[in-house]
Protein backbone atom coordinates (compact mmCIF):
# COMPACT_ATOMS: atom_id res chain seq x y z
CA MET A 1 -24.77 41.63 93.03
CA LYS A 2 -21.27 42.33 94.58
CA ASP A 3 -18.76 44.46 92.75
CA SER A 4 -16.92 42.64 89.94
CA LYS A 5 -13.13 42.07 90.19
CA ASN A 6 -12.00 38.96 88.40
CA ILE A 7 -10.54 38.16 84.94
CA LEU A 8 -12.04 36.02 82.14
CA GLN A 9 -9.55 34.96 79.54
CA PHE A 10 -11.57 34.15 76.38
CA LEU A 11 -9.55 32.12 73.90
CA LYS A 12 -9.79 30.66 70.46
CA PHE A 13 -6.84 28.32 71.10
CA SER A 14 -6.69 24.55 70.33
CA ALA A 15 -3.06 23.90 69.66
CA PRO A 16 -1.66 20.52 70.53
CA TYR A 17 0.84 22.09 72.97
CA PRO A 18 0.19 24.99 75.38
CA GLY A 19 3.40 26.76 74.23
CA ASN A 20 4.53 30.10 75.27
CA PHE A 21 1.03 31.57 74.82
CA MET A 22 -0.54 29.54 77.65
CA GLN A 23 2.59 29.88 79.77
CA SER A 24 2.15 33.63 79.54
CA LEU A 25 -1.47 33.47 80.65
CA ILE A 26 -0.53 31.21 83.58
CA LYS A 27 2.08 33.68 84.68
CA LEU A 28 -0.51 36.46 84.45
CA ASP A 29 -2.89 34.28 86.47
CA GLN A 30 -0.26 34.04 89.24
CA VAL A 31 0.30 37.84 89.25
CA ALA A 32 -3.47 38.50 89.59
CA LYS A 33 -3.86 35.92 92.35
CA LYS A 34 -1.27 37.72 94.41
CA ALA A 35 -3.49 40.81 94.21
CA GLY A 36 -6.61 38.82 95.20
CA VAL A 37 -7.94 38.51 91.68
CA ASP A 38 -9.06 35.16 90.19
CA THR A 39 -8.82 34.11 86.62
CA VAL A 40 -11.41 32.10 84.63
CA TYR A 41 -10.84 30.49 81.22
CA LEU A 42 -13.24 30.09 78.43
CA PHE A 43 -12.16 28.28 75.32
CA CYS A 44 -14.05 28.48 71.97
CA LYS A 45 -13.53 24.76 71.39
CA ASP A 46 -13.81 21.81 73.76
CA THR A 47 -10.29 20.46 73.96
CA SER A 48 -10.79 18.71 77.34
CA HIS A 49 -9.56 15.50 75.76
CA VAL A 50 -6.13 16.92 74.87
CA ALA A 51 -3.37 15.83 77.21
CA TRP A 52 -1.99 19.32 78.08
CA MET A 53 -5.57 20.57 78.71
CA GLN A 54 -6.24 17.72 81.12
CA GLU A 55 -3.15 18.73 83.05
CA PHE A 56 -4.15 22.41 82.85
CA MET A 57 -7.55 21.67 84.34
CA LYS A 58 -6.08 19.89 87.28
CA ASP A 59 -4.27 23.11 88.25
CA HIS A 60 -6.97 25.52 87.06
CA LYS A 61 -10.54 24.57 88.14
CA ASN A 62 -12.38 27.48 86.45
CA VAL A 63 -12.16 26.25 82.81
CA TYR A 64 -15.11 26.28 80.39
CA PHE A 65 -15.76 25.45 76.75
CA LEU A 66 -18.21 26.92 74.27
CA SER A 67 -20.76 24.38 73.02
CA GLY A 68 -21.14 25.83 69.48
CA SER A 69 -24.81 26.75 70.03
CA TYR A 70 -25.08 30.53 70.18
CA PHE A 71 -28.04 30.77 72.62
CA LYS A 72 -26.45 28.16 74.91
CA ASP A 73 -23.21 29.96 74.83
CA VAL A 74 -24.82 33.27 75.72
CA SER A 75 -26.29 31.60 78.80
CA LEU A 76 -23.02 30.06 79.61
CA VAL A 77 -21.18 33.41 79.41
CA LYS A 78 -23.87 35.04 81.61
CA GLN A 79 -23.37 32.25 84.17
CA ILE A 80 -19.64 32.60 84.16
CA MET A 81 -19.69 36.35 84.50
CA LYS A 82 -22.12 36.32 87.41
CA GLN A 83 -20.74 33.24 89.18
CA HIS A 84 -17.06 34.49 89.02
CA GLN A 85 -17.72 38.21 89.39
CA VAL A 86 -15.91 38.98 86.15
CA LYS A 87 -14.69 42.50 85.72
CA TYR A 88 -12.13 42.11 82.83
CA VAL A 89 -12.75 39.98 79.69
CA HIS A 90 -9.53 39.57 77.77
CA THR A 91 -10.04 38.06 74.29
CA HIS A 92 -7.39 36.26 72.20
CA PHE A 93 -7.84 35.19 68.53
CA THR A 94 -11.71 35.32 68.91
CA THR A 95 -14.04 36.39 66.06
CA ALA A 96 -16.66 39.14 66.23
CA LYS A 97 -19.28 36.40 66.56
CA HIS A 98 -17.54 35.09 69.66
CA ASN A 99 -17.08 38.56 71.08
CA SER A 100 -20.76 39.32 70.57
CA LEU A 101 -21.44 36.81 73.30
CA ILE A 102 -19.84 39.12 75.81
CA LYS A 103 -21.78 42.12 74.64
CA VAL A 104 -25.18 40.26 74.73
CA ALA A 105 -24.36 38.81 78.20
CA ASN A 106 -23.41 42.16 79.54
CA PHE A 107 -26.90 43.64 78.90
CA SER A 108 -28.24 41.85 81.97
CA TYR A 109 -24.97 41.59 83.99
CA GLY A 110 -25.47 44.51 86.33
CA ALA A 111 -21.76 45.00 87.30
CA LYS A 112 -18.78 46.87 85.88
CA LEU A 113 -17.22 45.10 82.90
CA PHE A 114 -14.25 45.93 80.71
CA THR A 115 -13.39 44.11 77.48
CA ILE A 116 -9.73 43.90 76.23
CA ASN A 117 -8.90 42.63 72.78
CA HIS A 118 -5.38 41.41 72.30
CA LEU A 119 -3.82 41.98 68.89
CA HIS A 120 -1.51 39.11 68.28
CA ASN A 121 -0.80 40.10 64.59
CA HIS A 122 -1.19 43.07 62.36
CA GLN A 123 -4.84 43.66 61.42
CA PRO A 124 -5.97 44.50 57.90
CA VAL A 125 -8.08 47.53 57.01
CA GLU A 126 -11.76 46.86 57.50
CA GLY A 127 -14.40 48.03 55.02
CA ILE A 128 -17.06 50.35 56.24
CA LEU A 129 -19.77 47.64 56.22
CA LYS A 130 -17.67 45.18 58.06
CA ALA A 131 -16.49 47.74 60.67
CA THR A 132 -20.11 48.82 61.25
CA ILE A 133 -21.43 45.38 61.73
CA LYS A 134 -18.40 44.55 64.06
CA ASN A 135 -19.20 47.75 66.04
CA LEU A 136 -22.82 46.81 66.47
CA MET A 137 -22.00 43.18 67.51
CA THR A 138 -19.16 43.83 69.88
CA HIS A 139 -17.74 46.32 72.43
CA THR A 140 -14.11 46.78 73.23
CA ASP A 141 -12.68 49.10 75.86
CA LEU A 142 -8.95 48.56 75.02
CA TYR A 143 -6.85 47.00 72.29
CA ILE A 144 -3.44 45.68 73.34
CA GLY A 145 -0.87 45.05 70.59
CA CYS A 146 1.65 42.26 71.24
CA SER A 147 4.38 44.76 70.03
CA GLN A 148 4.73 48.44 69.40
CA SER A 149 4.67 47.79 65.59
CA VAL A 150 1.37 45.93 65.83
CA ALA A 151 -0.20 48.72 67.94
CA GLU A 152 1.06 51.54 65.79
CA ASP A 153 -0.13 49.74 62.60
CA TYR A 154 -3.61 49.25 64.22
CA LYS A 155 -3.83 52.97 64.92
CA LYS A 156 -3.09 53.67 61.31
CA THR A 157 -5.61 51.16 59.87
CA HIS A 158 -8.19 51.96 62.68
CA PRO A 159 -7.70 55.69 63.38
CA GLN A 160 -10.97 55.95 65.16
CA LEU A 161 -9.62 53.62 67.81
CA SER A 162 -6.23 55.20 68.45
CA ASN A 163 -7.13 56.46 71.84
CA LYS A 164 -8.10 52.89 72.78
CA THR A 165 -4.94 51.22 71.52
CA THR A 166 -1.69 50.49 73.54
CA PHE A 167 0.91 47.78 73.53
CA VAL A 168 2.72 45.40 75.89
CA THR A 169 5.64 43.57 74.24
CA ASN A 170 5.23 39.86 74.48
CA GLY A 171 7.18 37.98 77.11
CA ILE A 172 8.78 34.58 76.90
CA GLU A 173 8.74 31.81 79.38
CA PHE A 174 12.39 30.88 78.90
CA THR A 175 12.51 28.05 81.39
CA ARG A 176 10.37 25.89 79.09
CA LEU A 177 13.17 26.04 76.56
CA ASP A 178 15.67 24.53 79.02
CA THR A 179 14.14 21.02 78.69
CA THR A 180 15.47 19.54 75.48
CA ALA A 181 16.12 16.16 73.89
CA LYS A 182 19.21 15.23 71.78
CA LEU A 183 18.34 14.48 68.21
CA ASP A 184 20.36 12.25 65.91
CA ARG A 185 21.09 13.46 62.38
CA LYS A 186 20.95 9.86 61.14
CA ASP A 187 17.22 9.65 62.15
CA PHE A 188 16.63 12.51 59.67
CA GLN A 189 19.05 11.20 57.07
CA ILE A 190 21.18 14.34 57.42
CA PRO A 191 24.97 14.02 57.01
CA ALA A 192 27.23 15.07 59.90
CA ASN A 193 28.82 18.01 58.08
CA ALA A 194 25.58 19.42 56.61
CA LYS A 195 24.09 22.80 57.73
CA ILE A 196 20.53 22.57 59.07
CA PHE A 197 18.14 25.43 58.78
CA LEU A 198 14.90 25.50 60.76
CA MET A 199 11.56 27.33 60.17
CA PHE A 200 8.01 27.24 61.46
CA GLY A 201 5.77 27.21 58.42
CA PHE A 202 2.11 26.40 59.18
CA ASP A 203 1.03 29.21 56.87
CA TYR A 204 2.73 28.73 53.44
CA HIS A 205 2.41 32.24 52.22
CA ARG A 206 2.52 34.39 55.32
CA LYS A 207 5.50 32.46 56.73
CA GLY A 208 7.36 32.76 53.48
CA VAL A 209 7.91 29.04 53.00
CA ASP A 210 8.17 29.56 49.23
CA VAL A 211 10.95 32.14 49.74
CA LEU A 212 13.07 29.91 51.87
CA LEU A 213 12.64 26.87 49.65
CA GLU A 214 13.86 28.89 46.66
CA ALA A 215 16.91 30.03 48.50
CA MET A 216 17.53 26.48 49.67
CA LYS A 217 17.24 25.13 46.10
CA ASN A 218 19.79 27.74 44.92
CA LEU A 219 22.20 26.81 47.56
CA ARG A 220 21.88 23.09 46.72
CA VAL A 221 22.55 23.90 43.03
CA LYS A 222 25.71 25.63 44.15
CA GLY A 223 26.89 22.45 45.84
CA GLU A 224 26.03 23.51 49.41
CA GLU A 225 25.00 20.65 51.67
CA VAL A 226 22.10 22.22 53.39
CA TYR A 227 18.98 20.81 54.90
CA LEU A 228 15.72 22.34 55.99
CA LEU A 229 13.45 21.37 58.88
CA ILE A 230 9.97 22.80 58.71
CA SER A 231 8.15 22.37 62.06
CA LEU A 232 4.34 22.78 62.24
CA SER A 233 1.52 21.87 64.55
CA ARG A 234 -1.14 21.72 61.74
CA ASN A 235 -1.60 21.87 57.97
CA LYS A 236 1.06 19.28 57.41
CA GLU A 237 -0.69 17.63 54.48
CA LYS A 238 -1.69 20.95 52.98
CA LEU A 239 1.79 22.28 53.21
CA ALA A 240 3.31 19.18 51.55
CA GLU A 241 0.78 19.36 48.74
CA THR A 242 1.46 23.03 48.11
CA ILE A 243 5.17 22.41 48.01
CA LYS A 244 4.61 19.57 45.48
CA GLN A 245 2.49 21.92 43.33
CA ASN A 246 5.12 24.69 43.29
CA PHE A 247 8.32 22.59 43.16
CA GLY A 248 7.15 19.38 41.48
CA GLU A 249 8.17 17.14 44.42
CA LEU A 250 9.10 17.15 48.09
CA PRO A 251 12.89 17.65 47.99
CA SER A 252 15.00 15.10 49.72
CA TRP A 253 16.67 17.88 51.72
CA LEU A 254 13.38 18.99 53.17
CA LYS A 255 12.17 17.43 56.38
CA ILE A 256 8.63 18.29 57.61
CA VAL A 257 8.53 17.54 61.29
CA GLU A 258 5.78 17.66 63.97
CA ALA A 259 5.77 20.50 66.48
CA ARG A 260 6.95 19.57 69.93
CA GLU A 261 6.42 21.20 73.31
CA ASP A 262 10.11 21.08 73.99
CA VAL A 263 10.69 23.39 71.04
CA GLY A 264 14.20 24.12 72.32
CA THR A 265 15.16 20.68 70.97
CA TYR A 266 14.83 21.93 67.42
CA PHE A 267 16.60 25.19 68.04
CA LYS A 268 19.55 23.35 69.51
CA PHE A 269 19.53 20.84 66.66
CA ALA A 270 19.59 23.51 63.95
CA ASP A 271 22.49 25.65 62.76
CA CYS A 272 20.20 28.64 62.02
CA PHE A 273 16.58 29.61 62.44
CA VAL A 274 14.90 31.49 59.56
CA SER A 275 11.81 33.64 59.73
CA ALA A 276 11.00 34.43 56.06
CA SER A 277 7.59 35.86 56.97
CA ARG A 278 5.79 38.41 54.89
CA GLU A 279 3.97 39.53 58.13
CA GLU A 280 4.58 38.88 61.76
CA GLY A 281 3.17 40.50 64.95
CA LEU A 282 6.27 39.96 67.07
CA ALA A 283 7.84 36.61 65.99
CA THR A 284 8.56 35.28 69.50
CA SER A 285 10.25 32.30 67.81
CA LEU A 286 13.15 34.50 66.97
CA VAL A 287 13.62 35.34 70.64
CA GLU A 288 13.24 31.69 71.61
CA ALA A 289 15.90 30.74 69.04
CA VAL A 290 18.61 33.15 70.28
CA TYR A 291 17.92 32.06 73.90
CA CYS A 292 18.79 28.56 72.78
CA GLY A 293 21.95 29.67 71.05
CA CYS A 294 20.66 29.42 67.55
CA PRO A 295 21.68 32.20 65.02
CA ILE A 296 18.73 33.86 63.28
CA ILE A 297 17.84 35.34 59.88
CA THR A 298 14.65 37.29 59.40
CA SER A 299 12.85 39.23 56.77
CA ASN A 300 13.11 43.00 57.28
CA ILE A 301 9.49 43.72 58.40
CA PRO A 302 8.14 45.61 61.44
CA GLY A 303 7.49 42.82 63.89
CA PRO A 304 10.93 41.23 63.92
CA ASN A 305 12.63 44.62 63.56
CA SER A 306 10.96 45.73 66.85
CA LEU A 307 12.81 43.02 68.75
CA GLY A 308 16.09 44.83 68.61
CA ILE A 309 18.22 41.59 68.75
CA PRO A 310 21.84 42.36 68.03
CA TYR A 311 23.61 40.64 65.19
CA THR A 312 20.39 39.64 63.38
CA TYR A 313 20.87 38.81 59.77
CA THR A 314 18.06 40.42 57.77
CA PHE A 315 16.90 40.53 54.15
CA GLU A 316 14.14 42.32 52.34
CA SER A 317 10.85 40.40 52.43
CA GLU A 318 10.43 38.02 49.41
CA ASP A 319 13.98 38.74 48.22
CA VAL A 320 15.30 35.24 47.59
CA ALA A 321 18.76 36.40 46.59
CA GLY A 322 19.01 38.43 49.77
CA LEU A 323 17.96 35.59 51.97
CA GLN A 324 20.45 33.30 50.20
CA LYS A 325 23.32 35.73 50.83
CA GLN A 326 22.46 35.92 54.52
CA MET A 327 22.32 32.10 54.77
CA GLU A 328 25.80 31.94 53.21
CA ALA A 329 27.00 34.54 55.75
CA VAL A 330 25.80 32.46 58.67
CA MET A 331 27.33 29.28 57.26
CA ALA A 332 30.64 31.10 57.00
CA LEU A 333 30.78 31.90 60.66
CA SER A 334 33.55 30.26 62.73
CA ASP A 335 32.54 28.45 65.99
CA ALA A 336 34.05 31.31 68.00
CA GLU A 337 32.07 34.01 66.04
CA THR A 338 28.85 31.98 66.40
CA GLN A 339 29.39 31.70 70.19
CA ASN A 340 30.08 35.47 70.51
CA ILE A 341 27.03 36.35 68.53
CA THR A 342 24.64 34.06 70.28
CA ALA A 343 25.85 34.94 73.75
CA ALA A 344 25.09 38.61 73.08
CA GLN A 345 21.79 37.68 71.59
CA LYS A 346 20.79 35.50 74.61
CA ALA A 347 21.70 38.22 76.98
CA HIS A 348 19.52 40.74 75.17
CA ALA A 349 16.60 38.29 75.06
CA VAL A 350 16.63 37.51 78.75
CA LYS A 351 16.96 41.18 79.72
CA THR A 352 14.19 42.41 77.41
CA PHE A 353 11.56 39.68 77.07
CA GLY A 354 11.11 38.14 80.55
CA ILE A 355 7.60 36.77 81.02
CA ASP A 356 7.29 38.28 84.47
CA VAL A 357 7.58 41.80 83.23
CA TRP A 358 4.91 41.14 80.61
CA ALA A 359 2.55 39.73 83.18
CA GLU A 360 2.96 42.68 85.54
CA LYS A 361 2.39 45.09 82.73
CA ILE A 362 -0.80 43.50 81.45
CA PHE A 363 -2.24 43.28 84.99
CA ALA A 364 -1.40 46.98 85.49
CA THR A 365 -3.17 47.73 82.25
CA TYR A 366 -6.31 46.07 83.50
CA LYS A 367 -6.22 48.16 86.61
CA ASN A 368 -5.58 51.43 84.72
CA LEU A 369 -9.03 50.94 83.01
CA ASP A 370 -10.54 51.79 86.36
CA SER A 371 -8.71 55.06 86.77
């Protein structure tokens, strides 16, 4: 067969909105196309019925979905690789079982193939048995961390893969944040003079929902009129039930809201965005928040620290009192102080995290595998 040259993006991604993740891949697709390289997409789950996917498929014809049957999917991967002359397979959020499809299909491929595994979060240490099985089932030529901290951490937990690990700091498609709607506080039963804090909390423990709720409760006891919006795309019922178990009820000052594609709407509605996470790969939501002019508070952990955003309010992870102190500091800011801080933060975000830079660097990383 002819020499391979094209890209297969292999994704375990079924969110209700494409978000910054898919916008990043679309930008990468455009960079590759300028160089005469096509991109194919393979999703682990059939989401062809989802509205954004239907639109995506109109603009991107080479979109496939796994069936769930291992043998059928091996045949599908073989077909995709040969039909589209795939040279680079870039995996995102996939499991070892998913990635084994690539290794099995490659046995009879007959062309050059590189497999790249994107590390979107810090990865735990693997036991010897698990690591051995994973090594037998899969093959990876390069690991790309979404941030320097993720890559450096992976080198520590997987020292045998240090020479295969690099990083490209995530980029943000800022233009998607410019489309916003105006929300009315009355619709959320929030008084005009109240302070609104926002968080994304689909994972109760990892996102530190409990930490922020404790800080909110303490502020309310002190008489502060504060409200919390938690936006999440999944696990809404599970989150509500967990909060009831730990706090006895869903507080009236807590508003659990659906995720929305125009996420800038929430950032512009809130007075402050809080990332109370115990672990984060990069926390792009912090960058999105400051682009939208929303002050930020974050736990002092590697992912957020690597962003280098000026005037970031930080606290030690799980330190409720420390978080409460920073929330009070943000509430004490004058309008002029807030404007000065957010202007400097936005300038840093635009300069540092442009999506075009990310796409160019990722594509260059592909090409460097050949050298």
